[in-house]
Protein backbone atom coordinates (compact mmCIF):
# COMPACT_ATOMS: atom_id res chain seq x y z
CA MET A 1 -22.41 9.97 17.61
CA VAL A 2 -20.01 6.52 16.46
CA GLU A 3 -19.31 4.97 19.72
CA GLN A 4 -15.98 3.76 18.64
CA GLY A 5 -12.96 6.08 17.17
CA ALA A 6 -10.77 6.05 14.25
CA ALA A 7 -8.38 3.85 15.94
CA ALA A 8 -11.13 0.87 15.89
CA ILE A 9 -10.66 0.71 12.15
CA GLU A 10 -7.13 -0.66 12.48
CA SER A 11 -8.02 -4.36 12.38
CA LYS A 12 -6.20 -6.41 9.55
CA GLN A 13 -7.24 -9.18 7.15
CA PRO A 14 -7.22 -12.53 8.25
CA ALA A 15 -5.28 -14.86 6.44
CA GLY A 16 -6.91 -16.18 3.02
CA ALA A 17 -7.76 -13.81 0.79
CA SER A 18 -11.20 -15.11 0.11
CA ASP A 19 -12.36 -14.80 3.93
CA LEU A 20 -15.07 -12.21 4.18
CA PHE A 21 -12.15 -10.14 6.12
CA GLN A 22 -14.76 -6.93 6.39
CA ALA A 23 -16.76 -8.49 9.31
CA ALA A 24 -15.28 -6.78 12.13
CA GLU A 25 -15.91 -3.26 9.80
CA LEU A 26 -19.42 -4.33 9.86
CA GLU A 27 -20.10 -5.25 13.39
CA ARG A 28 -17.92 -1.84 14.40
CA MET A 29 -20.69 -0.14 12.13
CA GLY A 30 -23.29 -1.59 13.66
CA LEU A 31 -24.11 -4.77 11.64
CA LEU A 32 -24.10 -7.60 14.17
CA PRO A 33 -23.70 -11.02 12.78
CA VAL A 34 -27.13 -13.04 13.22
CA ARG A 35 -26.41 -16.76 14.74
CA ASP A 36 -28.33 -19.97 13.77
CA THR A 37 -29.96 -18.55 10.67
CA ASN A 38 -30.66 -21.35 7.80
CA TYR A 39 -29.16 -18.90 5.30
CA ALA A 40 -25.80 -19.99 3.00
CA GLY A 41 -22.64 -17.91 4.28
CA ALA A 42 -23.14 -14.80 6.88
CA LEU A 43 -25.79 -12.88 7.49
CA PHE A 44 -25.78 -9.41 9.60
CA ARG A 45 -28.30 -7.14 10.94
CA GLY A 46 -28.49 -3.59 11.53
CA ASP A 47 -28.45 -3.04 15.50
CA GLY A 48 -31.13 -0.25 15.43
CA ALA A 49 -28.90 2.39 16.72
CA ARG A 50 -25.89 2.69 14.17
CA ALA A 51 -27.49 0.80 11.38
CA LYS A 52 -30.51 -0.79 9.97
CA GLY A 53 -31.19 -2.96 7.35
CA TRP A 54 -29.06 -6.24 6.73
CA TYR A 55 -25.81 -7.20 4.85
CA HIS A 56 -25.78 -10.95 3.53
CA ALA A 57 -22.48 -12.59 1.97
CA TRP A 58 -21.36 -15.86 0.68
CA THR A 59 -17.56 -16.92 0.30
CA GLY A 60 -16.70 -18.92 -2.57
CA ASP A 61 -12.99 -20.23 -3.44
CA GLY A 62 -11.31 -16.73 -4.30
CA PHE A 63 -14.62 -14.70 -4.33
CA THR A 64 -17.28 -13.49 -2.29
CA VAL A 65 -20.64 -13.02 -3.38
CA VAL A 66 -22.78 -9.77 -1.50
CA THR A 67 -26.40 -8.54 -1.25
CA CYS A 68 -27.05 -5.98 1.29
CA ASN A 69 -29.64 -2.98 1.97
CA PHE A 70 -28.85 -1.02 5.20
CA THR A 71 -28.86 2.44 6.08
CA MET A 72 -26.23 4.43 8.58
CA LEU A 73 -28.44 5.99 11.27
CA VAL A 74 -24.72 7.86 12.50
CA ASP A 75 -21.46 9.33 11.25
CA THR A 76 -18.74 6.71 11.07
CA LEU A 77 -15.72 5.66 9.31
CA PHE A 78 -15.31 2.55 7.19
CA GLY A 79 -11.80 1.16 6.72
CA ILE A 80 -10.68 -1.81 4.37
CA ASP A 81 -7.71 -3.41 3.17
CA THR A 82 -8.15 -3.45 -0.73
CA ARG A 83 -5.05 -5.52 -1.64
CA ARG A 84 -5.75 -7.09 -4.94
CA TYR A 85 -9.35 -6.66 -4.66
CA LEU A 86 -11.83 -6.29 -7.95
CA THR A 87 -15.60 -5.78 -7.27
CA VAL A 88 -18.32 -5.53 -9.67
CA ARG A 89 -21.36 -3.96 -8.19
CA GLY A 90 -24.68 -3.57 -9.46
CA PRO A 91 -28.16 -2.19 -7.94
CA ALA A 92 -30.53 -4.00 -5.81
CA ALA A 93 -33.10 -4.35 -8.01
CA ALA A 94 -35.92 -7.13 -7.58
CA MET A 95 -33.75 -8.43 -4.36
CA THR A 96 -34.49 -11.17 -2.41
CA ALA A 97 -37.10 -9.54 0.52
CA TYR A 98 -35.33 -10.36 3.81
CA PRO A 99 -38.22 -10.93 6.44
CA GLY A 100 -38.11 -8.54 9.35
CA TYR A 101 -35.00 -6.71 6.82
CA ASP A 102 -37.15 -4.07 5.20
CA VAL A 103 -35.50 -1.00 4.30
CA GLU A 104 -36.75 1.97 2.45
CA SER A 105 -36.98 0.79 -1.43
CA ALA A 106 -35.26 4.11 -3.20
CA GLN A 107 -33.56 2.69 -6.28
CA PRO A 108 -29.64 3.68 -5.89
CA ALA A 109 -27.31 4.42 -9.15
CA ALA A 110 -25.63 1.49 -11.02
CA ILE A 111 -22.01 1.31 -10.60
CA ALA A 112 -19.14 -1.15 -11.25
CA TYR A 113 -15.85 -0.40 -10.04
CA ILE A 114 -12.36 -1.64 -9.35
CA GLU A 115 -10.21 -1.65 -6.50
CA THR A 116 -6.45 -3.43 -6.52
CA ARG A 117 -4.14 -1.04 -4.31
CA GLU A 118 -2.44 -2.80 -1.45
CA ASP A 119 -3.42 -0.19 1.03
CA TRP A 120 -5.69 0.35 4.31
CA VAL A 121 -8.45 2.49 2.98
CA THR A 122 -10.22 4.64 5.10
CA MET A 123 -13.45 6.60 4.05
CA PRO A 124 -15.89 8.66 6.23
CA ILE A 125 -19.52 7.43 6.15
CA PRO A 126 -21.87 10.07 6.96
CA ALA A 127 -25.47 9.29 8.78
CA GLY A 128 -28.49 8.58 6.47
CA THR A 129 -25.90 6.75 3.79
CA ARG A 130 -27.75 3.76 2.07
CA PHE A 131 -26.10 0.74 0.57
CA ALA A 132 -28.28 -1.29 -1.24
CA TYR A 133 -26.60 -3.49 -4.11
CA THR A 134 -25.34 -6.72 -5.12
CA GLU A 135 -21.75 -7.23 -5.91
CA VAL A 136 -19.04 -9.85 -6.35
CA GLU A 137 -15.49 -9.19 -4.99
CA TYR A 138 -12.59 -11.01 -6.50
CA PHE A 139 -9.19 -11.81 -5.12
CA ASP A 140 -5.93 -11.84 -6.55
CA GLU A 141 -5.44 -15.68 -6.76
CA ALA A 142 -9.05 -16.30 -8.61
CA LEU A 143 -8.26 -12.98 -11.34
CA ARG A 144 -4.88 -14.61 -12.19
CA GLU A 145 -6.37 -17.83 -13.05
CA ALA A 146 -9.10 -16.28 -15.19
CA PHE A 147 -6.67 -14.04 -17.22
CA ALA A 148 -3.92 -16.53 -17.71
CA GLY A 149 -5.16 -17.12 -21.09
CA LEU A 150 -4.18 -13.46 -21.86
CA GLY A 151 -0.16 -14.22 -20.61
CA TRP A 152 -1.16 -11.28 -18.34
CA GLY A 153 0.14 -11.13 -14.48
CA SER A 154 -0.66 -7.70 -13.39
CA VAL A 155 -3.63 -7.34 -11.64
CA ASP A 156 -2.97 -3.37 -11.60
CA GLY A 157 -2.91 -3.59 -15.47
CA LEU A 158 -6.38 -5.17 -15.55
CA SER A 159 -7.27 -2.45 -13.17
CA ALA A 160 -5.90 0.12 -15.33
CA LEU A 161 -7.20 -1.31 -18.41
CA LEU A 162 -10.79 -1.35 -17.41
CA VAL A 163 -10.89 1.82 -15.00
CA GLU A 164 -13.30 3.41 -17.64
CA LEU A 165 -15.85 1.06 -17.44
CA ARG A 166 -16.40 2.09 -13.67
CA GLY A 167 -19.20 4.31 -15.03
CA SER A 168 -21.59 1.89 -16.04
CA ILE A 169 -22.74 -1.94 -14.77
CA GLY A 170 -23.75 -2.83 -18.71
CA TRP A 171 -20.49 -2.92 -20.23
CA ALA A 172 -19.94 -6.14 -20.11
CA PRO A 173 -22.72 -9.22 -21.49
CA GLY A 174 -23.60 -11.28 -18.72
CA VAL A 175 -23.07 -8.65 -15.86
CA LEU A 176 -26.17 -7.52 -15.37
CA SER A 177 -27.94 -10.95 -15.69
CA ALA A 178 -25.20 -12.36 -13.33
CA LEU A 179 -25.96 -9.74 -10.75
CA GLU A 180 -29.77 -10.01 -10.62
CA GLU A 181 -29.87 -13.70 -10.76
CA ILE A 182 -27.62 -13.61 -7.09
CA GLY A 183 -29.90 -10.85 -6.09
CA ARG A 184 -33.05 -12.80 -6.62
CA THR A 185 -31.77 -15.78 -5.04
CA ASP A 186 -32.81 -16.90 -1.75
CA PRO A 187 -29.84 -17.68 0.27
CA ALA A 188 -32.07 -20.47 2.53
CA VAL A 189 -32.66 -22.62 -0.37
CA ALA A 190 -30.48 -25.71 -0.85
CA GLY A 191 -29.29 -24.68 -3.93
CA ALA A 192 -28.01 -21.37 -3.30
CA PRO A 193 -24.60 -21.74 -2.88
CA LEU A 194 -24.15 -23.11 -6.82
CA ILE A 195 -26.38 -20.23 -8.06
CA TYR A 196 -23.87 -18.15 -6.15
CA GLU A 197 -20.74 -19.91 -7.43
CA GLY A 198 -22.26 -20.33 -11.05
CA SER A 199 -23.28 -16.39 -11.45
CA ALA A 200 -20.00 -15.22 -9.90
CA LYS A 201 -17.71 -17.40 -12.54
CA VAL A 202 -20.35 -16.35 -15.38
CA LEU A 203 -19.67 -12.55 -14.37
CA LEU A 204 -15.80 -12.98 -14.08
CA GLY A 205 -16.12 -14.86 -17.89
CA SER A 206 -18.01 -11.61 -19.04
CA LEU A 207 -15.27 -9.58 -17.50
CA VAL A 208 -12.60 -12.11 -19.74
CA GLN A 209 -14.73 -11.33 -22.65
CA ALA A 210 -14.79 -7.69 -22.10
CA THR A 211 -11.22 -7.50 -21.74
CA VAL A 212 -10.48 -9.67 -24.84
CA SER A 213 -12.58 -7.31 -26.97
CA MET A 214 -10.59 -4.06 -26.12
CA LEU A 215 -7.60 -5.96 -27.08
CA PRO A 216 -6.05 -6.67 -30.45
CA THR A 217 -7.03 -10.37 -31.71
CA ASP A 218 -3.81 -11.32 -32.58
CA ARG A 219 -1.61 -12.88 -29.63
CA ARG A 220 1.86 -10.87 -30.23
CA SER A 221 -0.51 -7.74 -30.43
CA ARG A 222 -2.19 -8.25 -27.64
CA ALA A 223 0.66 -8.95 -25.36
CA GLY A 224 2.40 -6.04 -26.36
CA ILE A 225 -0.48 -3.74 -25.61
CA LEU A 226 -0.70 -5.56 -22.25
CA ALA A 227 3.39 -5.36 -21.64
CA ALA A 228 2.93 -1.60 -22.56
CA ILE A 229 -0.04 -0.92 -19.82
CA ASP A 230 2.26 -3.20 -17.31
CA PHE A 231 4.88 -0.92 -18.18
CA ALA A 232 2.89 2.52 -17.58
CA SER A 233 2.72 0.60 -13.75
CA VAL A 234 6.41 0.12 -13.27
CA ARG A 235 7.21 3.55 -14.77
CA LEU A 236 4.33 5.54 -13.18
CA ARG A 237 6.81 8.03 -11.21
CA GLU A 238 9.33 8.05 -14.13
CA GLY A 239 7.10 8.80 -16.53
CA ALA A 240 7.98 7.20 -20.48
CA THR A 241 7.84 8.21 -23.74
CA GLN A 242 5.36 6.59 -26.07
CA GLU A 243 8.54 5.82 -28.25
CA GLU A 244 9.66 3.52 -25.12
CA ALA A 245 6.30 1.99 -24.48
CA ALA A 246 6.37 0.93 -28.32
CA ALA A 247 9.64 -0.75 -27.67
CA VAL A 248 8.74 -2.66 -24.76
CA SER A 249 5.32 -3.63 -26.76
CA GLY A 250 7.48 -5.23 -29.71
CA MET A 251 5.69 -2.60 -31.93
CA GLY A 252 6.62 0.10 -34.56
CA LEU A 253 5.03 3.73 -33.27
CA THR A 254 2.55 3.92 -35.56
CA THR A 255 1.33 0.63 -34.86
CA PHE A 256 1.47 1.00 -31.32
CA LYS A 257 -0.40 4.11 -31.32
CA ARG A 258 -3.25 2.95 -33.06
CA LEU A 259 -3.96 -0.31 -30.98
CA PHE A 260 -2.87 1.49 -27.73
CA LYS A 261 -5.78 4.15 -28.50
CA GLN A 262 -8.31 1.18 -29.32
CA ALA A 263 -7.65 -0.30 -26.17
CA THR A 264 -7.55 2.39 -23.81
CA GLY A 265 -9.77 5.04 -25.35
CA ARG A 266 -6.88 7.66 -25.03
CA SER A 267 -3.31 8.55 -26.43
CA TRP A 268 -0.02 6.98 -24.44
CA ALA A 269 0.54 10.37 -22.91
CA ALA A 270 -2.88 11.15 -21.70
CA TYR A 271 -2.96 7.85 -20.31
CA LEU A 272 -0.43 8.02 -18.19
CA ALA A 273 -1.19 11.50 -17.23
CA GLU A 274 -4.52 10.12 -15.90
CA ARG A 275 -2.96 7.37 -14.22
CA ARG A 276 -0.76 9.70 -12.57
CA MET A 277 -3.43 12.26 -11.07
CA HIS A 278 -5.63 9.25 -10.12
CA GLU A 279 -2.75 7.93 -7.89
CA ALA A 280 -1.91 11.54 -6.47
CA LYS A 281 -5.44 12.31 -5.64
CA ARG A 282 -5.41 9.22 -3.31
CA LEU A 283 -2.06 10.52 -1.86
CA LEU A 284 -3.77 13.70 -1.48
CA SER A 285 -6.70 12.20 0.62
CA ALA A 286 -4.49 10.27 2.51
CA GLY A 287 -3.15 13.43 3.96
CA VAL A 288 0.20 14.21 2.34
CA THR A 289 1.59 17.82 0.98
CA VAL A 290 1.04 19.07 -2.79
CA GLU A 291 4.37 19.04 -3.18
CA GLN A 292 4.90 15.50 -1.39
CA ALA A 293 1.82 13.94 -4.18
CA ALA A 294 3.84 15.90 -6.99
CA HIS A 295 7.44 14.33 -6.21
CA ALA A 296 5.95 10.58 -5.64
CA VAL A 297 3.90 11.02 -8.98
CA GLY A 298 6.99 12.19 -10.87
CA TYR A 299 6.58 15.70 -11.44
CA ARG A 300 9.76 18.12 -10.12
CA SER A 301 7.71 21.22 -9.69
CA PRO A 302 4.75 21.19 -8.06
CA THR A 303 3.39 24.31 -10.01
CA SER A 304 3.44 21.93 -13.40
CA PHE A 305 1.74 19.25 -11.08
CA SER A 306 -0.98 21.43 -9.71
CA ALA A 307 -1.80 22.55 -13.48
CA ALA A 308 -1.90 19.12 -14.74
CA PHE A 309 -3.95 17.77 -11.98
CA SER A 310 -6.28 20.73 -12.30
CA ARG A 311 -6.60 19.61 -16.36
CA VAL A 312 -7.39 16.27 -15.52
CA ILE A 313 -9.23 16.20 -11.80
CA GLY A 314 -11.24 19.55 -12.55
CA VAL A 315 -10.53 21.22 -9.55
CA SER A 316 -6.64 22.19 -7.90
CA PRO A 317 -4.72 19.49 -6.09
CA GLY A 318 -5.08 22.06 -2.83
CA ARG A 319 -8.80 21.95 -3.09
CA TRP A 320 -8.82 18.37 -3.75
CA ARG A 321 -6.40 17.96 -0.54
CA THR A 322 -8.81 20.17 1.52
CA ALA A 323 -12.00 18.81 0.95
CA SER A 324 -11.14 15.10 1.41
CA ARG A 325 -9.30 15.96 4.43
CA MET A 326 -12.15 18.29 5.98
CA ASP A 327 -14.65 14.95 5.27
CA VAL A 328 -12.48 12.64 6.98
CA ALA A 329 -11.58 15.12 9.91
CA GLY A 330 -15.14 16.04 10.40
CA VAL A 331 -16.48 12.24 10.43
CA ALA A 332 -13.30 11.47 13.06
CA ASP A 333 -14.22 14.57 15.51
CA GLU A 334 -17.37 13.28 15.93
CA ALA A 335 -16.16 9.70 16.53
CA ASP A 336 -14.13 11.09 19.29
CA GLN A 337 -16.62 12.74 21.27
């Protein structure tokens, strides 16, 4: 059973975006700070009752480097403030072995994901769930500085552009090698912080290169596509025609259609629909009704919304809401016992 209820996750992110803001959540989940180590950064160890294994984090200027290998022993809830937060995560292959922190060595799947919503996100974590990965978490200021050369001020747009890259960690040159370098580094050696900082910057450079490779080569066309992506964020609820997006981009319709699909992999209509449905998924998981979600993403008719949601997501919004709320409720019930 979980020793603390769901209300315990109502903690807030401390001032300073690059602080280890999930430290309180780790402790609540049973990963306790280890004092007086010679490791760079912070080390947390499972208490043996709620979690087993370890979690190590080192905080740099605008980013945090994480390696971990732990398993939850009880059902719990994990809460995190995802404001302006981009994460790239890889599997725990060739990870440094921490004496006394061994966990079974099954290889997890590689993933990469981006999270930039300005919300508190809560997710159920069932007993037996294992986390074994290396990741770098980048915050708003670091992202804006890195992508400044593109003339882009929207982190939401960055997330939307890279959303298709979530399924594989090998999509940008240098990503795997940078993560592996972090995972191999002994945090007790004197040069560990330099390796963490260098690898994190190499990885961020790879993200910039990957983004540039998806966009038109000339500055004007690139700025136009980025403007259209930002326009989609602004008009997510009201919707926008392809002609309006082309006008915002400063391109003719034919050129816009070609370059937009080259950058995003889909037509304007499909892109906008997918972004709306992913927002609807988030709202439904948070407990809003199907009708409320439909209105929030710009549909007047719940029937039309349900058809669009089923087409994009693969299940009806009602089924999605029920399944996601059952998962959370089941864990919360355990937490209250």
